[in-house]
Amino acid sequence: MTNVHLTGRLICRDTTQAAIVGRHLPPHVELTLAESGCLSFAVTATTDPLVWDVEEWFTDETTFAAHQARVAASEWGRATAGIERSYSVEAGTYRQ
């Protein structure tokens, strides 16, 4: 089965943006992991306090699109709208 795999970084401009991520990230992760079709979701702090690594796996394009729509309308989406994202999305096969 072909899954959807997103990798990349969330890059804050300053400590104000980093604080927004820190405040809104835990519920965002919890809600995403509870979504139908989410196989794996991780947002991990790097050694740079303004950068997080992001890795997501969804069962297919439909569940990934539903995730993107939910996120855009969510508190996380609104609070982090101005924060830079550098992502790559590709098809792949999820392996735990």
PDB file of N, CA and C in Angstrom:
ATOM      1  N   MET A   1       0.841  -1.184   0.000  1.00  0.00           N
ATOM      2  CA  MET A   1       0.000   0.000   0.000  1.00  0.00           C
ATOM      3  C   MET A   1       0.883   1.243   0.000  1.00  0.00           C
ATOM      4  N   THR A   2       0.490   2.235  -0.775  1.00  0.00           N
ATOM      5  CA  THR A   2       1.230   3.488  -0.817  1.00  0.00           C
ATOM      6  C   THR A   2       0.673   4.446   0.220  1.00  0.00           C
ATOM      7  N   ASN A   3       1.536   4.893   1.097  1.00  0.00           N
ATOM      8  CA  ASN A   3       1.173   5.843   2.143  1.00  0.00           C
ATOM      9  C   ASN A   3       1.725   7.207   1.801  1.00  0.00           C
ATOM     10  N   VAL A   4       1.331   8.211   2.580  1.00  0.00           N
ATOM     11  CA  VAL A   4       1.842   9.562   2.407  1.00  0.00           C
ATOM     12  C   VAL A   4       2.820   9.857   3.538  1.00  0.00           C
ATOM     13  N   HIS A   5       3.999  10.346   3.171  1.00  0.00           N
ATOM     14  CA  HIS A   5       5.063  10.614   4.128  1.00  0.00           C
ATOM     15  C   HIS A   5       5.483  12.076   3.997  1.00  0.00           C
ATOM     16  N   LEU A   6       5.359  12.824   5.081  1.00  0.00           N
ATOM     17  CA  LEU A   6       5.810  14.213   5.126  1.00  0.00           C
ATOM     18  C   LEU A   6       7.020  14.282   6.039  1.00  0.00           C
ATOM     19  N   THR A   7       8.069  14.960   5.586  1.00  0.00           N
ATOM     20  CA  THR A   7       9.242  15.217   6.416  1.00  0.00           C
ATOM     21  C   THR A   7       9.633  16.672   6.236  1.00  0.00           C
ATOM     22  N   GLY A   8      10.299  17.198   7.228  1.00  0.00           N
ATOM     23  CA  GLY A   8      10.782  18.560   7.097  1.00  0.00           C
ATOM     24  C   GLY A   8      11.008  19.230   8.434  1.00  0.00           C
ATOM     25  N   ARG A   9      10.909  20.556   8.398  1.00  0.00           N
ATOM     26  CA  ARG A   9      11.206  21.347   9.591  1.00  0.00           C
ATOM     27  C   ARG A   9      10.192  22.469   9.765  1.00  0.00           C
ATOM     28  N   LEU A  10       9.950  22.775  11.003  1.00  0.00           N
ATOM     29  CA  LEU A  10       9.184  23.940  11.425  1.00  0.00           C
ATOM     30  C   LEU A  10      10.227  24.914  11.948  1.00  0.00           C
ATOM     31  N   ILE A  11      10.296  26.112  11.359  1.00  0.00           N
ATOM     32  CA  ILE A  11      11.406  27.032  11.632  1.00  0.00           C
ATOM     33  C   ILE A  11      10.859  28.359  12.160  1.00  0.00           C
ATOM     34  N   CYS A  12      11.134  28.635  13.418  1.00  0.00           N
ATOM     35  CA  CYS A  12      10.670  29.876  14.039  1.00  0.00           C
ATOM     36  C   CYS A  12      11.646  31.007  13.766  1.00  0.00           C
ATOM     37  N   ARG A  13      11.100  32.192  13.663  1.00  0.00           N
ATOM     38  CA  ARG A  13      11.898  33.392  13.410  1.00  0.00           C
ATOM     39  C   ARG A  13      12.564  33.897  14.687  1.00  0.00           C
ATOM     40  N   ASP A  14      11.888  33.678  15.837  1.00  0.00           N
ATOM     41  CA  ASP A  14      12.373  34.224  17.107  1.00  0.00           C
ATOM     42  C   ASP A  14      11.778  33.430  18.274  1.00  0.00           C
ATOM     43  N   THR A  15      12.151  33.810  19.477  1.00  0.00           N
ATOM     44  CA  THR A  15      11.688  33.075  20.668  1.00  0.00           C
ATOM     45  C   THR A  15      10.189  33.251  20.907  1.00  0.00           C
ATOM     46  N   THR A  16       9.603  34.313  20.410  1.00  0.00           N
ATOM     47  CA  THR A  16       8.147  34.490  20.528  1.00  0.00           C
ATOM     48  C   THR A  16       7.429  33.399  19.744  1.00  0.00           C
ATOM     49  N   GLN A  17       7.865  33.159  18.522  1.00  0.00           N
ATOM     50  CA  GLN A  17       7.271  32.080  17.725  1.00  0.00           C
ATOM     51  C   GLN A  17       7.548  30.719  18.359  1.00  0.00           C
ATOM     52  N   ALA A  18       8.739  30.525  18.884  1.00  0.00           N
ATOM     53  CA  ALA A  18       9.074  29.251  19.531  1.00  0.00           C
ATOM     54  C   ALA A  18       8.162  29.003  20.727  1.00  0.00           C
ATOM     55  N   ALA A  19       7.836  30.048  21.473  1.00  0.00           N
ATOM     56  CA  ALA A  19       6.928  29.902  22.616  1.00  0.00           C
ATOM     57  C   ALA A  19       5.530  29.527  22.154  1.00  0.00           C
ATOM     58  N   ILE A  20       5.099  30.053  21.014  1.00  0.00           N
ATOM     59  CA  ILE A  20       3.795  29.685  20.451  1.00  0.00           C
ATOM     60  C   ILE A  20       3.775  28.198  20.114  1.00  0.00           C
ATOM     61  N   VAL A  21       4.842  27.723  19.471  1.00  0.00           N
ATOM     62  CA  VAL A  21       4.933  26.293  19.158  1.00  0.00           C
ATOM     63  C   VAL A  21       4.882  25.477  20.442  1.00  0.00           C
ATOM     64  N   GLY A  22       5.689  25.844  21.424  1.00  0.00           N
ATOM     65  CA  GLY A  22       5.723  25.099  22.681  1.00  0.00           C
ATOM     66  C   GLY A  22       4.368  25.028  23.365  1.00  0.00           C
ATOM     67  N   ARG A  23       3.618  26.110  23.300  1.00  0.00           N
ATOM     68  CA  ARG A  23       2.317  26.169  23.959  1.00  0.00           C
ATOM     69  C   ARG A  23       1.248  25.351  23.217  1.00  0.00           C
ATOM     70  N   HIS A  24       1.290  25.371  21.898  1.00  0.00           N
ATOM     71  CA  HIS A  24       0.224  24.739  21.109  1.00  0.00           C
ATOM     72  C   HIS A  24       0.560  23.339  20.596  1.00  0.00           C
ATOM     73  N   LEU A  25       1.816  22.929  20.689  1.00  0.00           N
ATOM     74  CA  LEU A  25       2.220  21.640  20.127  1.00  0.00           C
ATOM     75  C   LEU A  25       1.605  20.427  20.825  1.00  0.00           C
ATOM     76  N   PRO A  26       1.595  20.334  22.151  1.00  0.00           N
ATOM     77  CA  PRO A  26       1.064  19.110  22.770  1.00  0.00           C
ATOM     78  C   PRO A  26      -0.366  18.759  22.342  1.00  0.00           C
ATOM     79  N   PRO A  27      -1.328  19.691  22.373  1.00  0.00           N
ATOM     80  CA  PRO A  27      -2.665  19.301  21.916  1.00  0.00           C
ATOM     81  C   PRO A  27      -2.711  19.002  20.418  1.00  0.00           C
ATOM     82  N   HIS A  28      -1.873  19.674  19.631  1.00  0.00           N
ATOM     83  CA  HIS A  28      -1.828  19.398  18.193  1.00  0.00           C
ATOM     84  C   HIS A  28      -1.375  17.960  17.940  1.00  0.00           C
ATOM     85  N   VAL A  29      -0.341  17.529  18.625  1.00  0.00           N
ATOM     86  CA  VAL A  29       0.145  16.153  18.472  1.00  0.00           C
ATOM     87  C   VAL A  29      -0.924  15.164  18.910  1.00  0.00           C
ATOM     88  N   GLU A  30      -1.536  15.416  20.044  1.00  0.00           N
ATOM     89  CA  GLU A  30      -2.579  14.515  20.568  1.00  0.00           C
ATOM     90  C   GLU A  30      -3.736  14.382  19.581  1.00  0.00           C
ATOM     91  N   LEU A  31      -4.219  15.501  19.059  1.00  0.00           N
ATOM     92  CA  LEU A  31      -5.333  15.461  18.109  1.00  0.00           C
ATOM     93  C   LEU A  31      -4.943  14.763  16.812  1.00  0.00           C
ATOM     94  N   THR A  32      -3.742  14.998  16.342  1.00  0.00           N
ATOM     95  CA  THR A  32      -3.300  14.377  15.092  1.00  0.00           C
ATOM     96  C   THR A  32      -3.173  12.862  15.243  1.00  0.00           C
ATOM     97  N   LEU A  33      -2.580  12.417  16.330  1.00  0.00           N
ATOM     98  CA  LEU A  33      -2.431  10.972  16.543  1.00  0.00           C
ATOM     99  C   LEU A  33      -3.775  10.264  16.661  1.00  0.00           C
ATOM    100  N   ALA A  34      -4.812  10.991  17.057  1.00  0.00           N
ATOM    101  CA  ALA A  34      -6.155  10.414  17.189  1.00  0.00           C
ATOM    102  C   ALA A  34      -6.907  10.386  15.860  1.00  0.00           C
ATOM    103  N   GLU A  35      -6.379  11.029  14.834  1.00  0.00           N
ATOM    104  CA  GLU A  35      -7.064  11.077  13.541  1.00  0.00           C
ATOM    105  C   GLU A  35      -7.067   9.706  12.868  1.00  0.00           C
ATOM    106  N   SER A  36      -8.187   9.422  12.214  1.00  0.00           N
ATOM    107  CA  SER A  36      -8.262   8.222  11.394  1.00  0.00           C
ATOM    108  C   SER A  36      -7.261   8.357  10.254  1.00  0.00           C
ATOM    109  N   GLY A  37      -6.453   7.351  10.042  1.00  0.00           N
ATOM    110  CA  GLY A  37      -5.484   7.376   8.960  1.00  0.00           C
ATOM    111  C   GLY A  37      -4.100   7.842   9.341  1.00  0.00           C
ATOM    112  N   CYS A  38      -3.936   8.362  10.561  1.00  0.00           N
ATOM    113  CA  CYS A  38      -2.597   8.775  10.997  1.00  0.00           C
ATOM    114  C   CYS A  38      -1.845   7.533  11.474  1.00  0.00           C
ATOM    115  N   LEU A  39      -0.760   7.227  10.808  1.00  0.00           N
ATOM    116  CA  LEU A  39       0.067   6.074  11.184  1.00  0.00           C
ATOM    117  C   LEU A  39       1.158   6.466  12.170  1.00  0.00           C
ATOM    118  N   SER A  40       1.683   7.685  12.009  1.00  0.00           N
ATOM    119  CA  SER A  40       2.774   8.163  12.850  1.00  0.00           C
ATOM    120  C   SER A  40       2.848   9.675  12.714  1.00  0.00           C
ATOM    121  N   PHE A  41       3.177  10.343  13.820  1.00  0.00           N
ATOM    122  CA  PHE A  41       3.277  11.803  13.795  1.00  0.00           C
ATOM    123  C   PHE A  41       4.249  12.224  14.878  1.00  0.00           C
ATOM    124  N   ALA A  42       5.311  12.922  14.484  1.00  0.00           N
ATOM    125  CA  ALA A  42       6.310  13.357  15.457  1.00  0.00           C
ATOM    126  C   ALA A  42       6.818  14.747  15.094  1.00  0.00           C
ATOM    127  N   VAL A  43       6.854  15.614  16.092  1.00  0.00           N
ATOM    128  CA  VAL A  43       7.457  16.933  15.970  1.00  0.00           C
ATOM    129  C   VAL A  43       8.483  16.996  17.095  1.00  0.00           C
ATOM    130  N   THR A  44       9.774  17.024  16.729  1.00  0.00           N
ATOM    131  CA  THR A  44      10.857  16.847  17.681  1.00  0.00           C
ATOM    132  C   THR A  44      11.768  18.072  17.711  1.00  0.00           C
ATOM    133  N   ALA A  45      12.031  18.573  18.906  1.00  0.00           N
ATOM    134  CA  ALA A  45      12.947  19.706  19.056  1.00  0.00           C
ATOM    135  C   ALA A  45      14.337  19.304  18.576  1.00  0.00           C
ATOM    136  N   THR A  46      15.027  20.243  17.954  1.00  0.00           N
ATOM    137  CA  THR A  46      16.411  20.018  17.530  1.00  0.00           C
ATOM    138  C   THR A  46      17.336  20.751  18.507  1.00  0.00           C
ATOM    139  N   THR A  47      18.610  20.735  18.252  1.00  0.00           N
ATOM    140  CA  THR A  47      19.552  21.456  19.110  1.00  0.00           C
ATOM    141  C   THR A  47      19.392  22.967  18.961  1.00  0.00           C
ATOM    142  N   ASP A  48      18.764  23.398  17.878  1.00  0.00           N
ATOM    143  CA  ASP A  48      18.442  24.814  17.677  1.00  0.00           C
ATOM    144  C   ASP A  48      17.066  25.059  18.302  1.00  0.00           C
ATOM    145  N   PRO A  49      16.943  25.915  19.301  1.00  0.00           N
ATOM    146  CA  PRO A  49      15.661  26.115  19.990  1.00  0.00           C
ATOM    147  C   PRO A  49      14.579  26.740  19.120  1.00  0.00           C
ATOM    148  N   LEU A  50      14.909  27.113  17.906  1.00  0.00           N
ATOM    149  CA  LEU A  50      13.920  27.706  17.003  1.00  0.00           C
ATOM    150  C   LEU A  50      13.467  26.745  15.903  1.00  0.00           C
ATOM    151  N   VAL A  51      13.969  25.503  15.933  1.00  0.00           N
ATOM    152  CA  VAL A  51      13.696  24.550  14.849  1.00  0.00           C
ATOM    153  C   VAL A  51      13.212  23.217  15.406  1.00  0.00           C
ATOM    154  N   TRP A  52      12.183  22.661  14.750  1.00  0.00           N
ATOM    155  CA  TRP A  52      11.662  21.334  15.092  1.00  0.00           C
ATOM    156  C   TRP A  52      11.679  20.481  13.832  1.00  0.00           C
ATOM    157  N   ASP A  53      12.067  19.212  13.978  1.00  0.00           N
ATOM    158  CA  ASP A  53      11.946  18.237  12.899  1.00  0.00           C
ATOM    159  C   ASP A  53      10.521  17.693  12.913  1.00  0.00           C
ATOM    160  N   VAL A  54       9.970  17.495  11.720  1.00  0.00           N
ATOM    161  CA  VAL A  54       8.601  17.002  11.586  1.00  0.00           C
ATOM    162  C   VAL A  54       8.613  15.764  10.711  1.00  0.00           C
ATOM    163  N   GLU A  55       7.901  14.730  11.150  1.00  0.00           N
ATOM    164  CA  GLU A  55       7.718  13.525  10.334  1.00  0.00           C
ATOM    165  C   GLU A  55       6.306  13.007  10.547  1.00  0.00           C
ATOM    166  N   GLU A  56       5.607  12.814   9.431  1.00  0.00           N
ATOM    167  CA  GLU A  56       4.219  12.355   9.472  1.00  0.00           C
ATOM    168  C   GLU A  56       4.030  11.221   8.469  1.00  0.00           C
ATOM    169  N   TRP A  57       3.212  10.252   8.856  1.00  0.00           N
ATOM    170  CA  TRP A  57       2.804   9.182   7.950  1.00  0.00           C
ATOM    171  C   TRP A  57       1.287   9.062   8.016  1.00  0.00           C
ATOM    172  N   PHE A  58       0.637   9.039   6.844  1.00  0.00           N
ATOM    173  CA  PHE A  58      -0.806   8.830   6.756  1.00  0.00           C
ATOM    174  C   PHE A  58      -1.081   7.686   5.795  1.00  0.00           C
ATOM    175  N   THR A  59      -2.217   7.044   5.980  1.00  0.00           N
ATOM    176  CA  THR A  59      -2.521   5.849   5.196  1.00  0.00           C
ATOM    177  C   THR A  59      -2.602   6.121   3.702  1.00  0.00           C
ATOM    178  N   ASP A  60      -3.130   7.298   3.328  1.00  0.00           N
ATOM    179  CA  ASP A  60      -3.294   7.597   1.906  1.00  0.00           C
ATOM    180  C   ASP A  60      -3.515   9.096   1.710  1.00  0.00           C
ATOM    181  N   GLU A  61      -3.662   9.489   0.457  1.00  0.00           N
ATOM    182  CA  GLU A  61      -3.839  10.904   0.139  1.00  0.00           C
ATOM    183  C   GLU A  61      -5.116  11.486   0.736  1.00  0.00           C
ATOM    184  N   THR A  62      -6.171  10.691   0.813  1.00  0.00           N
ATOM    185  CA  THR A  62      -7.444  11.169   1.353  1.00  0.00           C
ATOM    186  C   THR A  62      -7.322  11.501   2.832  1.00  0.00           C
ATOM    187  N   THR A  63      -6.689  10.629   3.611  1.00  0.00           N
ATOM    188  CA  THR A  63      -6.554  10.906   5.050  1.00  0.00           C
ATOM    189  C   THR A  63      -5.552  12.034   5.294  1.00  0.00           C
ATOM    190  N   PHE A  64      -4.538  12.143   4.444  1.00  0.00           N
ATOM    191  CA  PHE A  64      -3.592  13.243   4.584  1.00  0.00           C
ATOM    192  C   PHE A  64      -4.280  14.574   4.271  1.00  0.00           C
ATOM    193  N   ALA A  65      -5.093  14.605   3.231  1.00  0.00           N
ATOM    194  CA  ALA A  65      -5.830  15.828   2.878  1.00  0.00           C
ATOM    195  C   ALA A  65      -6.795  16.213   3.996  1.00  0.00           C
ATOM    196  N   ALA A  66      -7.440  15.232   4.609  1.00  0.00           N
ATOM    197  CA  ALA A  66      -8.346  15.520   5.731  1.00  0.00           C
ATOM    198  C   ALA A  66      -7.557  16.103   6.901  1.00  0.00           C
ATOM    199  N   HIS A  67      -6.373  15.583   7.146  1.00  0.00           N
ATOM    200  CA  HIS A  67      -5.513  16.119   8.203  1.00  0.00           C
ATOM    201  C   HIS A  67      -5.146  17.568   7.900  1.00  0.00           C
ATOM    202  N   GLN A  68      -4.721  17.838   6.682  1.00  0.00           N
ATOM    203  CA  GLN A  68      -4.341  19.199   6.301  1.00  0.00           C
ATOM    204  C   GLN A  68      -5.507  20.173   6.467  1.00  0.00           C
ATOM    205  N   ALA A  69      -6.707  19.743   6.109  1.00  0.00           N
ATOM    206  CA  ALA A  69      -7.894  20.602   6.253  1.00  0.00           C
ATOM    207  C   ALA A  69      -8.200  20.854   7.727  1.00  0.00           C
ATOM    208  N   ARG A  70      -8.114  19.807   8.548  1.00  0.00           N
ATOM    209  CA  ARG A  70      -8.381  19.981   9.972  1.00  0.00           C
ATOM    210  C   ARG A  70      -7.369  20.928  10.588  1.00  0.00           C
ATOM    211  N   VAL A  71      -6.105  20.750  10.254  1.00  0.00           N
ATOM    212  CA  VAL A  71      -5.043  21.580  10.821  1.00  0.00           C
ATOM    213  C   VAL A  71      -5.227  23.043  10.424  1.00  0.00           C
ATOM    214  N   ALA A  72      -5.568  23.299   9.179  1.00  0.00           N
ATOM    215  CA  ALA A  72      -5.738  24.680   8.713  1.00  0.00           C
ATOM    216  C   ALA A  72      -6.821  25.414   9.502  1.00  0.00           C
ATOM    217  N   ALA A  73      -7.838  24.693   9.933  1.00  0.00           N
ATOM    218  CA  ALA A  73      -8.956  25.301  10.657  1.00  0.00           C
ATOM    219  C   ALA A  73      -8.794  25.221  12.178  1.00  0.00           C
ATOM    220  N   SER A  74      -7.713  24.641  12.647  1.00  0.00           N
ATOM    221  CA  SER A  74      -7.537  24.396  14.083  1.00  0.00           C
ATOM    222  C   SER A  74      -6.864  25.562  14.803  1.00  0.00           C
ATOM    223  N   GLU A  75      -6.877  25.501  16.114  1.00  0.00           N
ATOM    224  CA  GLU A  75      -6.168  26.491  16.924  1.00  0.00           C
ATOM    225  C   GLU A  75      -4.679  26.486  16.573  1.00  0.00           C
ATOM    226  N   TRP A  76      -4.093  25.299  16.423  1.00  0.00           N
ATOM    227  CA  TRP A  76      -2.694  25.184  16.018  1.00  0.00           C
ATOM    228  C   TRP A  76      -2.456  25.903  14.688  1.00  0.00           C
ATOM    229  N   GLY A  77      -3.306  25.635  13.720  1.00  0.00           N
ATOM    230  CA  GLY A  77      -3.150  26.243  12.409  1.00  0.00           C
ATOM    231  C   GLY A  77      -3.205  27.759  12.458  1.00  0.00           C
ATOM    232  N   ARG A  78      -4.142  28.285  13.220  1.00  0.00           N
ATOM    233  CA  ARG A  78      -4.263  29.744  13.338  1.00  0.00           C
ATOM    234  C   ARG A  78      -3.072  30.339  14.090  1.00  0.00           C
ATOM    235  N   ALA A  79      -2.669  29.708  15.187  1.00  0.00           N
ATOM    236  CA  ALA A  79      -1.594  30.249  16.035  1.00  0.00           C
ATOM    237  C   ALA A  79      -0.237  30.203  15.345  1.00  0.00           C
ATOM    238  N   THR A  80      -0.019  29.214  14.482  1.00  0.00           N
ATOM    239  CA  THR A  80       1.300  29.027  13.867  1.00  0.00           C
ATOM    240  C   THR A  80       1.333  29.410  12.386  1.00  0.00           C
ATOM    241  N   ALA A  81       0.303  30.076  11.915  1.00  0.00           N
ATOM    242  CA  ALA A  81       0.189  30.389  10.481  1.00  0.00           C
ATOM    243  C   ALA A  81       1.400  31.155   9.949  1.00  0.00           C
ATOM    244  N   GLY A  82       2.034  31.999  10.750  1.00  0.00           N
ATOM    245  CA  GLY A  82       3.158  32.789  10.280  1.00  0.00           C
ATOM    246  C   GLY A  82       4.512  32.142  10.443  1.00  0.00           C
ATOM    247  N   ILE A  83       4.533  30.904  10.918  1.00  0.00           N
ATOM    248  CA  ILE A  83       5.803  30.216  11.155  1.00  0.00           C
ATOM    249  C   ILE A  83       6.200  29.429   9.903  1.00  0.00           C
ATOM    250  N   GLU A  84       7.457  29.559   9.521  1.00  0.00           N
ATOM    251  CA  GLU A  84       7.965  28.912   8.306  1.00  0.00           C
ATOM    252  C   GLU A  84       7.939  27.396   8.428  1.00  0.00           C
ATOM    253  N   ARG A  85       7.520  26.779   7.342  1.00  0.00           N
ATOM    254  CA  ARG A  85       7.557  25.329   7.222  1.00  0.00           C
ATOM    255  C   ARG A  85       8.369  24.979   5.978  1.00  0.00           C
ATOM    256  N   SER A  86       9.237  24.011   6.120  1.00  0.00           N
ATOM    257  CA  SER A  86      10.008  23.512   4.988  1.00  0.00           C
ATOM    258  C   SER A  86       9.758  22.006   4.932  1.00  0.00           C
ATOM    259  N   TYR A  87       8.780  21.598   4.123  1.00  0.00           N
ATOM    260  CA  TYR A  87       8.315  20.218   4.100  1.00  0.00           C
ATOM    261  C   TYR A  87       8.470  19.609   2.719  1.00  0.00           C
ATOM    262  N   SER A  88       8.598  18.292   2.730  1.00  0.00           N
ATOM    263  CA  SER A  88       8.582  17.489   1.527  1.00  0.00           C
ATOM    264  C   SER A  88       7.535  16.401   1.735  1.00  0.00           C
ATOM    265  N   VAL A  89       6.678  16.197   0.742  1.00  0.00           N
ATOM    266  CA  VAL A  89       5.642  15.167   0.831  1.00  0.00           C
ATOM    267  C   VAL A  89       5.835  14.197  -0.327  1.00  0.00           C
ATOM    268  N   GLU A  90       5.854  12.897   0.009  1.00  0.00           N
ATOM    269  CA  GLU A  90       6.038  11.897  -1.023  1.00  0.00           C
ATOM    270  C   GLU A  90       5.288  10.626  -0.669  1.00  0.00           C
ATOM    271  N   ALA A  91       5.082   9.783  -1.663  1.00  0.00           N
ATOM    272  CA  ALA A  91       4.491   8.482  -1.429  1.00  0.00           C
ATOM    273  C   ALA A  91       5.561   7.539  -0.905  1.00  0.00           C
ATOM    274  N   GLY A  92       5.157   6.625  -0.070  1.00  0.00           N
ATOM    275  CA  GLY A  92       6.093   5.660   0.476  1.00  0.00           C
ATOM    276  C   GLY A  92       5.360   4.527   1.153  1.00  0.00           C
ATOM    277  N   THR A  93       6.113   3.623   1.718  1.00  0.00           N
ATOM    278  CA  THR A  93       5.527   2.507   2.453  1.00  0.00           C
ATOM    279  C   THR A  93       5.940   2.610   3.894  1.00  0.00           C
ATOM    280  N   TYR A  94       4.957   2.774   4.778  1.00  0.00           N
ATOM    281  CA  TYR A  94       5.218   2.933   6.207  1.00  0.00           C
ATOM    282  C   TYR A  94       5.675   1.617   6.816  1.00  0.00           C
ATOM    283  N   ARG A  95       6.746   1.687   7.574  1.00  0.00           N
ATOM    284  CA  ARG A  95       7.241   0.536   8.335  1.00  0.00           C
ATOM    285  C   ARG A  95       7.509   1.031   9.751  1.00  0.00           C
ATOM    286  N   GLN A  96       6.932   0.351  10.699  1.00  0.00           N
ATOM    287  CA  GLN A  96       7.104   0.748  12.098  1.00  0.00           C
ATOM    288  C   GLN A  96       8.507   0.541  12.570  1.00  0.00           C
TER     289      GLN A  96
END
